[in-house]
């Protein structure tokens, strides 16, 4: 099913990593390291040694195709869980024709928002207009997971929502549509999550790097207590494939992946659990259309799908609620900031 994934890790080391991740998830990394002294470091060495035997990894351009039909898309990309760019598939949608930073600011600049920087709420930004003004002045603000369509469902007419819904798998539910508004050079660092994603590039350009979930032992994320995983920083440095050198993250040179360039009207298919990092090549607006399909997610990554079902900070049902309402609230809940945020907001209302 996933013949496109080049497997170059020792199987026993891979299973040992999952064993440690299981304990991480429920008891935390510090306790796990105390219980299995030296096991994690040896596991890292074993993984890297096994990959070194196969040489450096290769980053390929993701397939760019003209959309043919649903059957072709499913057979070649959805079933094998392989990323693809449907080139210009949304070029005639009203959003691609009409949207710009000024357009969104004129319509919804007064929207109150939660802007997070490294999981901390930015107290200086209260409204969407603040973000857009910052971008236009050359600032570094990046508003992710803007729940535009929850607040303003009239904007759905700017998308072919019937086409998007028709490309979900059977027995899917819980659709979530979020906008991403950022300035040139802003980056979302490496992360993954379980919902499948059809990402529509509306305005400006983005560059993506994507890595199959097979390489999770190399990413070595800290235990996720909810449904979203981040790659760890080393000495305050994230892995950054947009830079030629990553001396703090030498292990990444052995993994295989894809790069994808998105221009207005392109749609990127991003399967569940695929690790990805994204850079805005120019001022940019993109829209992610996600949904939930437990069977497809479990077939993709049964171990992590099980951990997601057993998430507790917050639990899975609350995570899904926040994911649909405003994903930024989920991140505040994870870091224990949600109650403080809601208490601060309540007097203003």
Protein backbone atom coordinates (compact mmCIF):
# COMPACT_ATOMS: atom_id res chain seq x y z
CA UNK A 1 0.00 0.00 0.00
CA UNK A 2 2.85 2.44 0.80
CA UNK A 3 5.51 1.38 -1.66
CA UNK A 4 6.63 5.01 -2.01
CA UNK A 5 8.04 4.97 1.57
CA UNK A 6 11.73 3.99 1.66
CA UNK A 7 12.25 2.01 4.87
CA UNK A 8 15.80 2.24 6.13
CA UNK A 9 15.52 1.80 9.92
CA UNK A 10 16.23 -1.32 11.92
CA UNK A 11 12.88 -2.89 12.76
CA UNK A 12 13.81 -3.85 16.33
CA UNK A 13 15.05 -0.33 17.07
CA UNK A 14 11.84 1.09 15.61
CA UNK A 15 9.72 -1.14 17.90
CA UNK A 16 11.84 -0.23 20.91
CA UNK A 17 11.24 3.46 20.19
CA UNK A 18 7.47 2.87 20.20
CA UNK A 19 7.81 1.00 23.49
CA UNK A 20 9.45 4.07 25.03
CA UNK A 21 6.87 6.40 23.45
CA UNK A 22 4.08 4.39 25.04
CA UNK A 23 5.51 5.01 28.51
CA UNK A 24 6.25 8.65 27.59
CA UNK A 25 2.61 9.19 26.71
CA UNK A 26 1.20 8.00 30.04
CA UNK A 27 3.97 8.73 32.53
CA UNK A 28 6.08 11.48 30.97
CA UNK A 29 9.58 11.39 29.54
CA UNK A 30 11.40 12.06 32.80
CA UNK A 31 9.91 9.02 34.55
CA UNK A 32 10.42 6.85 31.49
CA UNK A 33 14.08 7.80 31.31
CA UNK A 34 14.52 7.01 35.01
CA UNK A 35 12.87 3.61 34.63
CA UNK A 36 14.79 2.64 31.48
CA UNK A 37 18.17 4.22 32.15
CA UNK A 38 20.28 4.62 29.04
CA UNK A 39 17.71 2.88 26.86
CA UNK A 40 16.67 5.99 24.93
CA UNK A 41 20.18 7.12 24.04
CA UNK A 42 21.12 3.62 22.91
CA UNK A 43 17.95 3.46 20.86
CA UNK A 44 18.89 6.70 19.08
CA UNK A 45 22.33 5.31 18.30
CA UNK A 46 20.88 2.06 16.95
CA UNK A 47 18.41 3.92 14.72
CA UNK A 48 21.03 6.23 13.25
CA UNK A 49 23.54 3.43 12.70
CA UNK A 50 21.00 1.39 10.79
CA UNK A 51 20.11 4.36 8.58
CA UNK A 52 23.73 5.31 7.93
CA UNK A 53 24.22 1.94 6.22
CA UNK A 54 21.78 3.07 3.53
CA UNK A 55 23.31 6.50 2.97
CA UNK A 56 21.80 9.96 3.03
CA UNK A 57 18.12 10.52 2.42
CA UNK A 58 16.70 12.14 -0.69
CA UNK A 59 14.18 14.97 -0.92
CA UNK A 60 12.03 14.66 -4.02
CA UNK A 61 9.57 17.04 -5.56
CA UNK A 62 6.06 15.97 -4.67
CA UNK A 63 4.01 14.86 -7.66
CA UNK A 64 2.29 17.80 -9.36
CA UNK A 65 -0.66 16.65 -11.44
CA UNK A 66 -3.68 18.06 -13.17
CA UNK A 67 -6.73 16.74 -11.38
CA UNK A 68 -8.42 14.03 -13.45
CA UNK A 69 -11.13 12.49 -11.33
CA UNK A 70 -11.79 11.17 -7.84
CA UNK A 71 -11.04 7.57 -8.80
CA UNK A 72 -7.56 8.47 -10.08
CA UNK A 73 -6.86 10.62 -7.01
CA UNK A 74 -7.93 7.87 -4.61
CA UNK A 75 -6.13 5.05 -6.38
CA UNK A 76 -2.79 6.84 -6.71
CA UNK A 77 -2.66 9.07 -3.63
CA UNK A 78 -5.36 8.52 -1.00
CA UNK A 79 -5.06 4.74 -0.71
CA UNK A 80 -1.23 4.71 -0.65
CA UNK A 81 -1.32 7.79 1.62
CA UNK A 82 1.04 9.75 -0.63
CA UNK A 83 1.14 13.57 -0.81
CA UNK A 84 0.33 15.26 -4.12
CA UNK A 85 -0.28 18.77 -5.47
CA UNK A 86 -3.40 19.11 -7.59
CA UNK A 87 -2.07 21.90 -9.75
CA UNK A 88 -4.52 24.76 -10.28
CA UNK A 89 -7.47 22.66 -9.12
CA UNK A 90 -8.98 25.66 -7.29
CA UNK A 91 -7.93 28.41 -9.72
CA UNK A 92 -11.53 29.24 -10.62
CA UNK A 93 -12.80 29.39 -7.04
CA UNK A 94 -13.90 32.83 -5.87
CA UNK A 95 -11.45 32.80 -2.96
CA UNK A 96 -8.48 32.49 -5.32
CA UNK A 97 -9.87 35.20 -7.58
CA UNK A 98 -10.87 37.71 -4.90
CA UNK A 99 -9.02 37.24 -1.63
CA UNK A 100 -6.08 39.33 -0.44
CA UNK A 101 -4.87 40.57 2.93
CA UNK A 102 -6.73 43.86 2.39
CA UNK A 103 -9.90 42.04 1.35
CA UNK A 104 -9.96 39.96 4.54
CA UNK A 105 -9.04 42.94 6.72
CA UNK A 106 -11.85 45.06 5.27
CA UNK A 107 -14.37 42.32 5.93
CA UNK A 108 -13.23 40.89 9.26
CA UNK A 109 -10.45 43.06 10.66
CA UNK A 110 -12.42 43.61 13.88
CA UNK A 111 -12.56 39.88 14.67
CA UNK A 112 -11.10 39.17 18.11
CA UNK A 113 -8.49 36.44 17.83
CA UNK A 114 -6.07 34.26 19.79
CA UNK A 115 -2.59 34.53 18.29
CA UNK A 116 -0.06 32.06 19.65
CA UNK A 117 3.71 32.32 19.41
CA UNK A 118 5.41 29.11 20.62
CA UNK A 119 2.17 28.12 22.38
CA UNK A 120 2.00 31.41 24.30
CA UNK A 121 -0.79 33.90 23.66
CA UNK A 122 0.41 37.19 22.18
CA UNK A 123 -1.07 39.83 24.45
CA UNK A 124 -0.36 42.64 21.98
CA UNK A 125 -2.58 41.18 19.28
CA UNK A 126 -6.30 41.40 19.94
CA UNK A 127 -7.83 41.65 16.47
CA UNK A 128 -7.25 40.22 13.01
CA UNK A 129 -6.42 43.70 11.72
CA UNK A 130 -3.42 43.78 14.11
CA UNK A 131 -1.95 40.72 12.37
CA UNK A 132 -2.52 42.03 8.86
CA UNK A 133 -1.09 45.46 9.72
CA UNK A 134 1.97 43.75 11.17
CA UNK A 135 2.44 41.65 8.03
CA UNK A 136 2.13 44.70 5.79
CA UNK A 137 4.76 46.53 7.83
CA UNK A 138 7.23 43.66 7.40
CA UNK A 139 6.56 42.07 10.79
CA UNK A 140 6.75 38.40 11.71
CA UNK A 141 3.22 37.66 12.93
CA UNK A 142 1.64 34.46 11.63
CA UNK A 143 -1.98 33.68 12.47
CA UNK A 144 -2.56 29.95 12.22
CA UNK A 145 -5.86 28.08 12.46
CA UNK A 146 -8.07 31.16 12.05
CA UNK A 147 -11.66 29.81 12.47
CA UNK A 148 -12.92 32.11 9.71
CA UNK A 149 -15.67 29.83 8.51
CA UNK A 150 -17.08 29.11 11.96
CA UNK A 151 -17.53 32.84 12.47
CA UNK A 152 -18.43 33.79 8.91
CA UNK A 153 -19.99 30.81 7.12
CA UNK A 154 -20.99 33.11 4.25
CA UNK A 155 -17.40 32.82 3.02
CA UNK A 156 -17.99 29.17 2.14
CA UNK A 157 -19.46 30.39 -1.14
CA UNK A 158 -15.89 31.32 -2.10
CA UNK A 159 -14.95 27.62 -2.16
CA UNK A 160 -16.29 24.57 -3.94
CA UNK A 161 -17.30 23.04 -0.64
CA UNK A 162 -19.19 20.25 -2.43
CA UNK A 163 -15.95 19.19 -4.17
CA UNK A 164 -14.03 19.21 -0.88
CA UNK A 165 -16.65 17.18 0.96
CA UNK A 166 -16.91 14.73 -1.92
CA UNK A 167 -13.21 13.89 -1.53
CA UNK A 168 -13.46 12.72 2.07
CA UNK A 169 -13.46 9.00 2.72
CA UNK A 170 -16.76 7.24 3.51
CA UNK A 171 -17.79 7.36 7.18
CA UNK A 172 -15.91 10.62 7.75
CA UNK A 173 -17.16 13.31 10.11
CA UNK A 174 -16.14 16.44 12.00
CA UNK A 175 -15.01 18.72 9.19
CA UNK A 176 -12.82 21.67 10.16
CA UNK A 177 -11.91 24.60 7.89
CA UNK A 178 -9.23 27.03 9.00
CA UNK A 179 -7.31 29.87 7.40
CA UNK A 180 -3.59 30.56 7.75
CA UNK A 181 -2.45 34.17 7.31
CA UNK A 182 1.25 34.99 7.44
CA UNK A 183 3.92 37.29 6.09
CA UNK A 184 6.87 36.53 3.86
CA UNK A 185 9.44 34.33 5.56
CA UNK A 186 7.26 33.12 8.44
CA UNK A 187 7.49 29.42 9.25
CA UNK A 188 5.47 26.72 10.94
CA UNK A 189 8.01 24.23 12.26
CA UNK A 190 7.80 20.46 11.98
CA UNK A 191 4.62 18.87 13.35
CA UNK A 192 1.91 16.35 12.54
CA UNK A 193 -1.65 15.44 13.45
CA UNK A 194 -4.20 12.79 12.51
CA UNK A 195 -6.81 14.61 10.39
CA UNK A 196 -6.39 14.27 6.61
CA UNK A 197 -5.95 17.66 4.95
CA UNK A 198 -6.78 19.17 1.58
CA UNK A 199 -4.88 22.45 1.74
CA UNK A 200 -5.98 25.20 -0.68
CA UNK A 201 -3.43 27.91 -1.50
CA UNK A 202 -5.59 31.02 -1.91
CA UNK A 203 -3.17 33.98 -2.04
CA UNK A 204 0.60 34.18 -2.30
CA UNK A 205 2.98 31.22 -2.22
CA UNK A 206 4.17 28.60 0.26
CA UNK A 207 6.85 25.95 0.38
CA UNK A 208 6.32 22.67 2.21
CA UNK A 209 8.63 19.86 3.29
CA UNK A 210 6.89 16.58 4.13
CA UNK A 211 8.12 13.35 5.75
CA UNK A 212 6.21 10.11 6.17
CA UNK A 213 5.21 9.11 9.70
CA UNK A 214 7.55 6.14 9.31
CA UNK A 215 10.31 8.57 10.33
CA UNK A 216 8.71 9.50 13.68
CA UNK A 217 11.55 7.74 15.60
CA UNK A 218 14.01 10.12 13.95
CA UNK A 219 11.86 13.17 14.73
CA UNK A 220 11.50 11.84 18.31
CA UNK A 221 8.63 14.11 19.40
CA UNK A 222 8.05 14.77 23.04
CA UNK A 223 4.99 12.86 24.23
CA UNK A 224 1.79 14.40 22.93
CA UNK A 225 -1.01 14.35 25.46
CA UNK A 226 -3.43 15.56 22.81
CA UNK A 227 -3.83 15.06 19.05
CA UNK A 228 -1.00 17.32 17.83
CA UNK A 229 2.74 16.50 17.86
CA UNK A 230 5.74 18.80 17.53
CA UNK A 231 9.35 18.07 16.68
CA UNK A 232 11.56 19.04 19.64
CA UNK A 233 14.04 21.90 19.61
CA UNK A 234 17.70 21.17 20.41
CA UNK A 235 19.49 24.03 22.19
CA UNK A 236 16.58 26.29 21.20
CA UNK A 237 17.07 25.40 17.52
CA UNK A 238 14.32 23.68 15.53
CA UNK A 239 15.07 21.50 12.55
CA UNK A 240 14.77 23.81 9.55
CA UNK A 241 14.97 22.21 6.07
CA UNK A 242 14.81 25.68 4.52
CA UNK A 243 18.39 26.14 5.75
CA UNK A 244 21.19 24.19 4.09
CA UNK A 245 22.86 23.25 7.36
CA UNK A 246 21.31 21.91 10.56
CA UNK A 247 24.26 21.06 12.82
CA UNK A 248 22.00 20.53 15.84
CA UNK A 249 19.86 18.00 13.92
CA UNK A 250 22.24 15.73 11.97
CA UNK A 251 19.83 12.77 12.04
CA UNK A 252 17.52 14.37 9.48
CA UNK A 253 20.00 13.96 6.66
CA UNK A 254 19.19 10.25 6.58
CA UNK A 255 15.45 10.54 6.04
CA UNK A 256 13.61 10.68 2.73
CA UNK A 257 10.92 13.25 2.06
CA UNK A 258 9.17 15.57 -0.34
CA UNK A 259 9.15 19.27 -1.05
CA UNK A 260 6.18 21.07 -2.55
CA UNK A 261 5.72 24.59 -3.88
CA UNK A 262 2.19 25.96 -3.69
CA UNK A 263 0.86 28.84 -5.78
CA UNK A 264 -2.62 30.35 -5.86
CA UNK A 265 -5.17 27.74 -6.92
CA UNK A 266 -3.05 24.70 -6.00
CA UNK A 267 -4.46 22.08 -3.63
CA UNK A 268 -2.11 19.94 -1.57
CA UNK A 269 -3.22 16.51 -0.32
CA UNK A 270 -1.54 15.94 3.06
CA UNK A 271 -2.35 12.46 4.51
CA UNK A 272 -2.73 11.74 8.25
CA UNK A 273 0.36 11.82 10.46
CA UNK A 274 2.67 13.08 7.70
CA UNK A 275 5.29 15.35 9.29
CA UNK A 276 5.43 18.74 7.63
CA UNK A 277 6.97 22.17 7.97
CA UNK A 278 5.80 25.18 5.97
CA UNK A 279 7.30 28.52 4.96
CA UNK A 280 5.46 31.47 3.47
CA UNK A 281 7.51 32.42 0.41
CA UNK A 282 5.45 35.60 0.15
CA UNK A 283 2.62 37.16 2.14
CA UNK A 284 0.15 34.32 2.09
CA UNK A 285 -3.36 33.07 2.79
CA UNK A 286 -4.06 29.36 2.77
CA UNK A 287 -7.06 27.32 3.89
CA UNK A 288 -6.90 23.82 5.35
CA UNK A 289 -9.91 21.55 4.95
CA UNK A 290 -9.71 18.68 7.45
CA UNK A 291 -11.95 15.91 8.64
CA UNK A 292 -11.90 12.85 10.90
CA UNK A 293 -11.88 9.26 9.72
CA UNK A 294 -10.76 6.89 12.51
CA UNK A 295 -10.48 3.87 10.22
CA UNK A 296 -8.24 5.61 7.71
CA UNK A 297 -6.09 7.08 10.50
CA UNK A 298 -5.75 3.71 12.19
CA UNK A 299 -4.75 2.06 8.91
CA UNK A 300 -2.12 4.79 8.45
CA UNK A 301 -0.51 4.67 11.90
CA UNK A 302 -2.19 2.22 14.31
CA UNK A 303 0.18 2.92 17.19
CA UNK A 304 -0.29 6.70 17.16
CA UNK A 305 -4.00 6.45 16.39
CA UNK A 306 -4.35 4.42 19.58
CA UNK A 307 -2.39 6.98 21.60
CA UNK A 308 -4.61 9.72 20.19
CA UNK A 309 -7.72 7.89 21.39
CA UNK A 310 -6.12 7.74 24.83
CA UNK A 311 -5.15 11.42 24.88
CA UNK A 312 -5.94 13.15 28.16
CA UNK A 313 -4.68 16.76 28.05
CA UNK A 314 -7.31 17.43 26.89
CA UNK A 315 -9.17 14.15 26.20
CA UNK A 316 -9.98 13.20 22.61
CA UNK A 317 -13.59 14.40 22.67
CA UNK A 318 -12.57 17.84 23.91
CA UNK A 319 -9.62 17.98 21.50
CA UNK A 320 -11.97 17.41 18.56
CA UNK A 321 -14.33 20.10 19.89
CA UNK A 322 -11.51 22.65 20.11
CA UNK A 323 -10.16 21.53 16.73
CA UNK A 324 -13.48 22.47 15.12
CA UNK A 325 -14.09 25.61 17.20
CA UNK A 326 -10.61 27.19 17.38
CA UNK A 327 -7.49 25.03 17.36
CA UNK A 328 -5.58 27.73 19.25
CA UNK A 329 -7.77 26.98 22.28
CA UNK A 330 -6.58 23.36 22.16
CA UNK A 331 -2.97 24.52 22.37
CA UNK A 332 -3.80 26.82 25.30
CA UNK A 333 -5.47 23.87 27.04
CA UNK A 334 -2.37 21.71 26.52
CA UNK A 335 -0.11 24.29 28.17
CA UNK A 336 -2.53 25.05 31.02
CA UNK A 337 -3.28 28.59 29.84
CA UNK A 338 -6.90 28.13 28.75
CA UNK A 339 -8.59 28.94 32.07
CA UNK A 340 -6.52 32.11 32.47
CA UNK A 341 -7.37 33.17 28.93
CA UNK A 342 -11.09 32.57 29.40
CA UNK A 343 -11.08 34.38 32.75
CA UNK A 344 -9.38 37.40 31.17
CA UNK A 345 -11.80 37.41 28.28
CA UNK A 346 -14.98 37.06 30.34
CA UNK A 347 -14.93 40.55 31.98
CA UNK A 348 -14.45 42.14 28.54
CA UNK A 349 -17.60 40.45 27.30
